[in-house]
Amino acid sequence: MAREASPKAPARKPRPAAATPPARVGPPLDYGQQVAIFSILAAANPRPTTELQYRDAFTLLVAVALSAQATDVGVNKATPALFDAAPTPQAMLELGGEGVTEHIKTIGLFRQKARNLIAMSQRLVEVYDGKVPSSRTALMTLPGVGRKTANVVLNTIWRVPAQAVDTHIFRVGNRTRIAPGRSEAEVERAIEDNVPAEFQQDAHHWLILHGRYICQARRPRCPICPIRELCPYEPKTTDPV
């Protein structure tokens, strides 16, 4: 008797391709082009800031830590109640892991983030007298806080011209050649080296907002881009928005 053919395992869906750095990094735009571009962005939005909701240094630190692999909109839905319940590191400790988890369970990776918030608050209380430190090195000793998070807090709270490079800024920096680089660290350095000093403070806010709403990943909205005539990216999209 012939054997029945064993059923075939279902084909696996291909994994989405991971983001890769640009194959070739071109030179940054020259000084005059940088001035022209940032003058346009500044005129359109003179006081850019983070879209995360916060009340002080601690709540901003919490919000930025929660925003990793999550949207600002999603974080903003969860944090008001969390900030009411735990407005300080000591209050966060008193709320406890289960209480924090309940408040942030709509955010991606919420269990790990809840553990980080408790550990972060513990260190703030024990080492920094319940206050958020104002140096990058000290901030990065806190659980769940990397360079990007530290730079957002330094820039927004203490007005340090620190550049928090995320995927939006990495994309815009390379597409426009405002700050080309093969890694987030290289793009951060390129902003520091090439963006004129008078625009350094708000550069990362302008770039992230430009990437979020105009220079989008799959299809940039070139027809409504305010810096279209200065941008070297080709081919530009021409479809109506």
Protein backbone atom coordinates (compact mmCIF):
# COMPACT_ATOMS: atom_id res chain seq x y z
CA MET A 1 0.00 0.00 0.00
CA ALA A 2 1.36 3.37 -0.96
CA ARG A 3 2.07 5.69 1.90
CA GLU A 4 0.00 8.78 2.19
CA ALA A 5 1.98 11.91 1.58
CA SER A 6 2.57 13.75 4.81
CA PRO A 7 0.88 17.09 4.94
CA LYS A 8 3.13 19.97 4.11
CA ALA A 9 3.86 22.46 6.81
CA PRO A 10 2.35 25.85 6.06
CA ALA A 11 4.76 28.17 4.38
CA ARG A 12 6.27 30.73 6.70
CA LYS A 13 5.54 34.32 5.99
CA PRO A 14 8.69 36.20 5.08
CA ARG A 15 9.96 38.48 7.79
CA PRO A 16 9.91 42.16 6.97
CA ALA A 17 13.29 43.41 5.93
CA ALA A 18 15.19 45.16 8.68
CA ALA A 19 16.06 48.78 8.21
CA THR A 20 19.49 49.09 6.69
CA PRO A 21 21.84 52.04 6.61
CA PRO A 22 22.25 53.84 3.28
CA ALA A 23 24.64 52.05 0.94
CA ARG A 24 26.52 55.25 0.32
CA VAL A 25 26.56 58.40 2.40
CA GLY A 26 26.87 61.60 0.41
CA PRO A 27 28.40 64.84 1.65
CA PRO A 28 26.29 67.08 3.88
CA LEU A 29 24.65 70.18 2.49
CA ASP A 30 26.85 73.23 2.62
CA TYR A 31 26.48 76.01 5.19
CA GLY A 32 24.33 78.26 3.02
CA GLN A 33 21.90 75.46 2.23
CA GLN A 34 21.67 74.52 5.91
CA VAL A 35 20.86 78.11 6.86
CA ALA A 36 18.20 78.33 4.13
CA ILE A 37 16.51 75.06 5.14
CA PHE A 38 16.42 75.73 8.86
CA SER A 39 15.26 79.30 8.30
CA ILE A 40 12.25 77.89 6.44
CA LEU A 41 11.53 75.29 9.14
CA ALA A 42 11.90 77.93 11.87
CA ALA A 43 9.56 80.35 10.12
CA ALA A 44 6.90 77.63 9.83
CA ASN A 45 7.29 76.48 13.46
CA PRO A 46 9.17 79.00 15.62
CA ARG A 47 8.87 77.03 18.89
CA PRO A 48 8.92 73.31 18.14
CA THR A 49 8.80 70.87 21.03
CA THR A 50 8.12 67.26 21.85
CA GLU A 51 4.60 65.96 21.23
CA LEU A 52 4.77 63.87 24.41
CA GLN A 53 2.71 65.24 27.27
CA TYR A 54 4.63 65.90 30.50
CA ARG A 55 4.58 68.09 33.59
CA ASP A 56 8.19 68.29 34.73
CA ALA A 57 11.56 66.58 34.29
CA PHE A 58 10.45 63.33 35.93
CA THR A 59 7.23 62.94 33.95
CA LEU A 60 9.07 63.76 30.70
CA LEU A 61 11.69 61.12 31.54
CA VAL A 62 8.90 58.59 32.13
CA ALA A 63 7.05 59.54 28.93
CA VAL A 64 10.16 59.28 26.75
CA ALA A 65 11.10 55.93 28.27
CA LEU A 66 7.59 54.66 27.54
CA SER A 67 7.70 55.92 23.93
CA ALA A 68 10.34 53.39 22.82
CA GLN A 69 8.70 51.18 20.18
CA ALA A 70 5.41 52.98 20.77
CA THR A 71 3.70 56.06 19.36
CA ASP A 72 3.52 59.40 21.14
CA VAL A 73 -0.27 59.27 20.71
CA GLY A 74 -0.45 55.93 22.49
CA VAL A 75 1.81 57.10 25.30
CA ASN A 76 -0.20 60.29 25.76
CA LYS A 77 -3.37 58.27 26.25
CA ALA A 78 -1.83 56.31 29.12
CA THR A 79 0.28 58.85 30.99
CA PRO A 80 -2.21 61.39 32.42
CA ALA A 81 -3.65 58.86 34.85
CA LEU A 82 -0.18 57.49 35.60
CA PHE A 83 1.13 60.99 36.37
CA ASP A 84 -1.84 61.66 38.63
CA ALA A 85 -1.12 58.46 40.55
CA ALA A 86 2.68 58.78 40.54
CA PRO A 87 3.94 62.33 39.95
CA THR A 88 7.29 61.69 41.70
CA PRO A 89 9.81 58.83 41.90
CA GLN A 90 8.74 58.07 45.47
CA ALA A 91 5.08 57.96 44.45
CA MET A 92 6.00 55.63 41.57
CA LEU A 93 7.65 53.26 44.05
CA GLU A 94 4.60 53.39 46.28
CA LEU A 95 2.34 52.64 43.30
CA GLY A 96 4.41 49.50 42.73
CA GLY A 97 4.98 47.30 39.72
CA GLU A 98 1.42 46.02 39.46
CA GLY A 99 -0.01 49.51 39.72
CA VAL A 100 2.33 50.87 37.05
CA THR A 101 1.56 47.91 34.79
CA GLU A 102 -2.16 48.56 35.06
CA HIS A 103 -1.69 52.15 33.92
CA ILE A 104 0.55 51.39 30.92
CA LYS A 105 -0.83 48.04 29.70
CA THR A 106 -1.97 49.62 26.41
CA ILE A 107 1.65 50.45 25.51
CA GLY A 108 3.97 48.00 23.79
CA LEU A 109 6.43 46.07 26.00
CA PHE A 110 4.50 47.35 29.04
CA ARG A 111 5.72 44.69 31.48
CA GLN A 112 9.40 45.41 30.87
CA LYS A 113 8.74 49.13 30.87
CA ALA A 114 6.92 48.87 34.20
CA ARG A 115 9.93 47.08 35.70
CA ASN A 116 12.23 49.78 34.30
CA LEU A 117 10.10 52.59 35.75
CA ILE A 118 10.23 51.03 39.20
CA ALA A 119 14.00 50.46 38.97
CA MET A 120 14.50 53.98 37.59
CA SER A 121 12.49 55.51 40.41
CA GLN A 122 14.40 53.47 42.98
CA ARG A 123 17.71 54.79 41.69
CA LEU A 124 16.43 58.36 41.53
CA VAL A 125 15.36 58.15 45.16
CA GLU A 126 18.48 56.39 46.44
CA VAL A 127 21.17 58.16 44.39
CA TYR A 128 19.75 61.49 43.26
CA ASP A 129 17.50 62.48 46.18
CA GLY A 130 14.39 61.95 44.05
CA LYS A 131 15.48 64.47 41.42
CA VAL A 132 16.26 63.93 37.74
CA PRO A 133 19.98 64.54 37.13
CA SER A 134 21.02 67.01 34.46
CA SER A 135 23.99 65.29 32.83
CA ARG A 136 23.89 62.69 30.06
CA THR A 137 26.19 60.34 31.93
CA ALA A 138 24.05 60.41 35.07
CA LEU A 139 20.81 60.02 33.11
CA MET A 140 22.18 57.00 31.29
CA THR A 141 22.83 55.21 34.59
CA LEU A 142 19.05 55.02 35.07
CA PRO A 143 17.37 51.73 34.06
CA GLY A 144 15.61 52.03 30.70
CA VAL A 145 17.37 55.28 29.77
CA GLY A 146 19.65 55.32 26.74
CA ARG A 147 21.39 58.16 24.95
CA LYS A 148 18.33 59.10 22.91
CA THR A 149 16.09 59.42 25.98
CA ALA A 150 18.77 61.33 27.86
CA ASN A 151 19.16 63.78 24.96
CA VAL A 152 15.42 64.47 24.79
CA VAL A 153 15.34 65.31 28.51
CA LEU A 154 18.49 67.46 28.32
CA ASN A 155 17.17 69.36 25.32
CA THR A 156 13.60 69.89 26.51
CA ILE A 157 14.13 70.54 30.22
CA TRP A 158 17.58 72.12 30.39
CA ARG A 159 17.74 73.59 26.88
CA VAL A 160 20.97 71.78 26.07
CA PRO A 161 21.36 71.49 22.27
CA ALA A 162 21.44 67.69 22.45
CA GLN A 163 20.29 65.78 19.37
CA ALA A 164 17.98 62.82 20.00
CA VAL A 165 18.19 60.86 16.74
CA ASP A 166 15.34 58.46 16.07
CA THR A 167 14.25 56.68 12.88
CA HIS A 168 12.55 59.83 11.54
CA ILE A 169 15.65 61.98 11.99
CA PHE A 170 17.90 59.24 10.61
CA ARG A 171 15.75 59.08 7.47
CA VAL A 172 15.43 62.85 7.01
CA GLY A 173 19.10 63.46 7.74
CA ASN A 174 20.11 61.09 4.95
CA ARG A 175 17.41 61.90 2.41
CA THR A 176 17.97 65.63 2.59
CA ARG A 177 21.71 65.36 3.32
CA ILE A 178 21.24 67.79 6.21
CA ALA A 179 23.02 65.22 8.39
CA PRO A 180 24.03 62.07 6.51
CA GLY A 181 25.35 59.04 8.38
CA ARG A 182 25.30 55.25 8.44
CA SER A 183 24.16 55.05 12.06
CA GLU A 184 22.17 57.12 14.53
CA ALA A 185 25.44 58.09 16.22
CA GLU A 186 26.87 59.35 12.92
CA VAL A 187 23.72 61.36 12.18
CA GLU A 188 23.82 62.88 15.67
CA ARG A 189 27.41 63.95 15.10
CA ALA A 190 26.57 65.26 11.62
CA ILE A 191 23.85 67.50 13.05
CA GLU A 192 26.29 68.84 15.63
CA ASP A 193 28.97 69.42 12.99
CA ASN A 194 26.88 70.87 10.16
CA VAL A 195 23.74 72.57 11.46
CA PRO A 196 24.45 76.26 12.19
CA ALA A 197 24.65 77.10 15.89
CA GLU A 198 21.54 79.28 15.95
CA PHE A 199 19.44 76.26 14.92
CA GLN A 200 21.08 73.58 17.07
CA GLN A 201 18.69 73.90 20.01
CA ASP A 202 15.58 73.00 18.05
CA ALA A 203 17.12 71.04 15.16
CA HIS A 204 16.00 67.61 16.31
CA HIS A 205 12.44 68.82 16.93
CA TRP A 206 12.17 70.30 13.43
CA LEU A 207 13.63 67.17 11.86
CA ILE A 208 11.47 64.69 13.74
CA LEU A 209 8.29 66.62 12.95
CA HIS A 210 9.34 66.92 9.31
CA GLY A 211 9.92 63.17 9.17
CA ARG A 212 6.68 62.35 10.96
CA TYR A 213 4.36 64.51 8.84
CA ILE A 214 6.13 65.34 5.56
CA CYS A 215 9.18 63.22 4.76
CA GLN A 216 7.46 59.95 5.61
CA ALA A 217 9.12 56.57 5.24
CA ARG A 218 7.15 54.85 2.50
CA ARG A 219 6.16 57.86 0.46
CA PRO A 220 7.46 61.33 1.24
CA ARG A 221 4.92 64.11 0.71
CA CYS A 222 7.12 66.16 -1.58
CA PRO A 223 4.35 68.31 -3.13
CA ILE A 224 3.69 70.00 0.23
CA CYS A 225 7.28 69.99 1.51
CA PRO A 226 8.44 73.51 2.44
CA ILE A 227 12.09 72.67 1.66
CA ARG A 228 11.36 70.83 -1.59
CA GLU A 229 13.41 73.19 -3.76
CA LEU A 230 16.47 72.78 -1.53
CA CYS A 231 16.24 69.02 -1.03
CA PRO A 232 18.49 66.81 -3.20
CA TYR A 233 16.31 63.70 -2.76
CA GLU A 234 15.23 62.12 -6.04
CA PRO A 235 12.90 61.07 -7.45
CA LYS A 236 10.48 63.37 -5.67
CA THR A 237 6.86 62.33 -5.43
CA THR A 238 4.43 64.30 -7.57
CA ASP A 239 1.04 62.82 -6.63
CA PRO A 240 -1.47 65.09 -4.93
CA VAL A 241 -1.44 64.71 -1.17
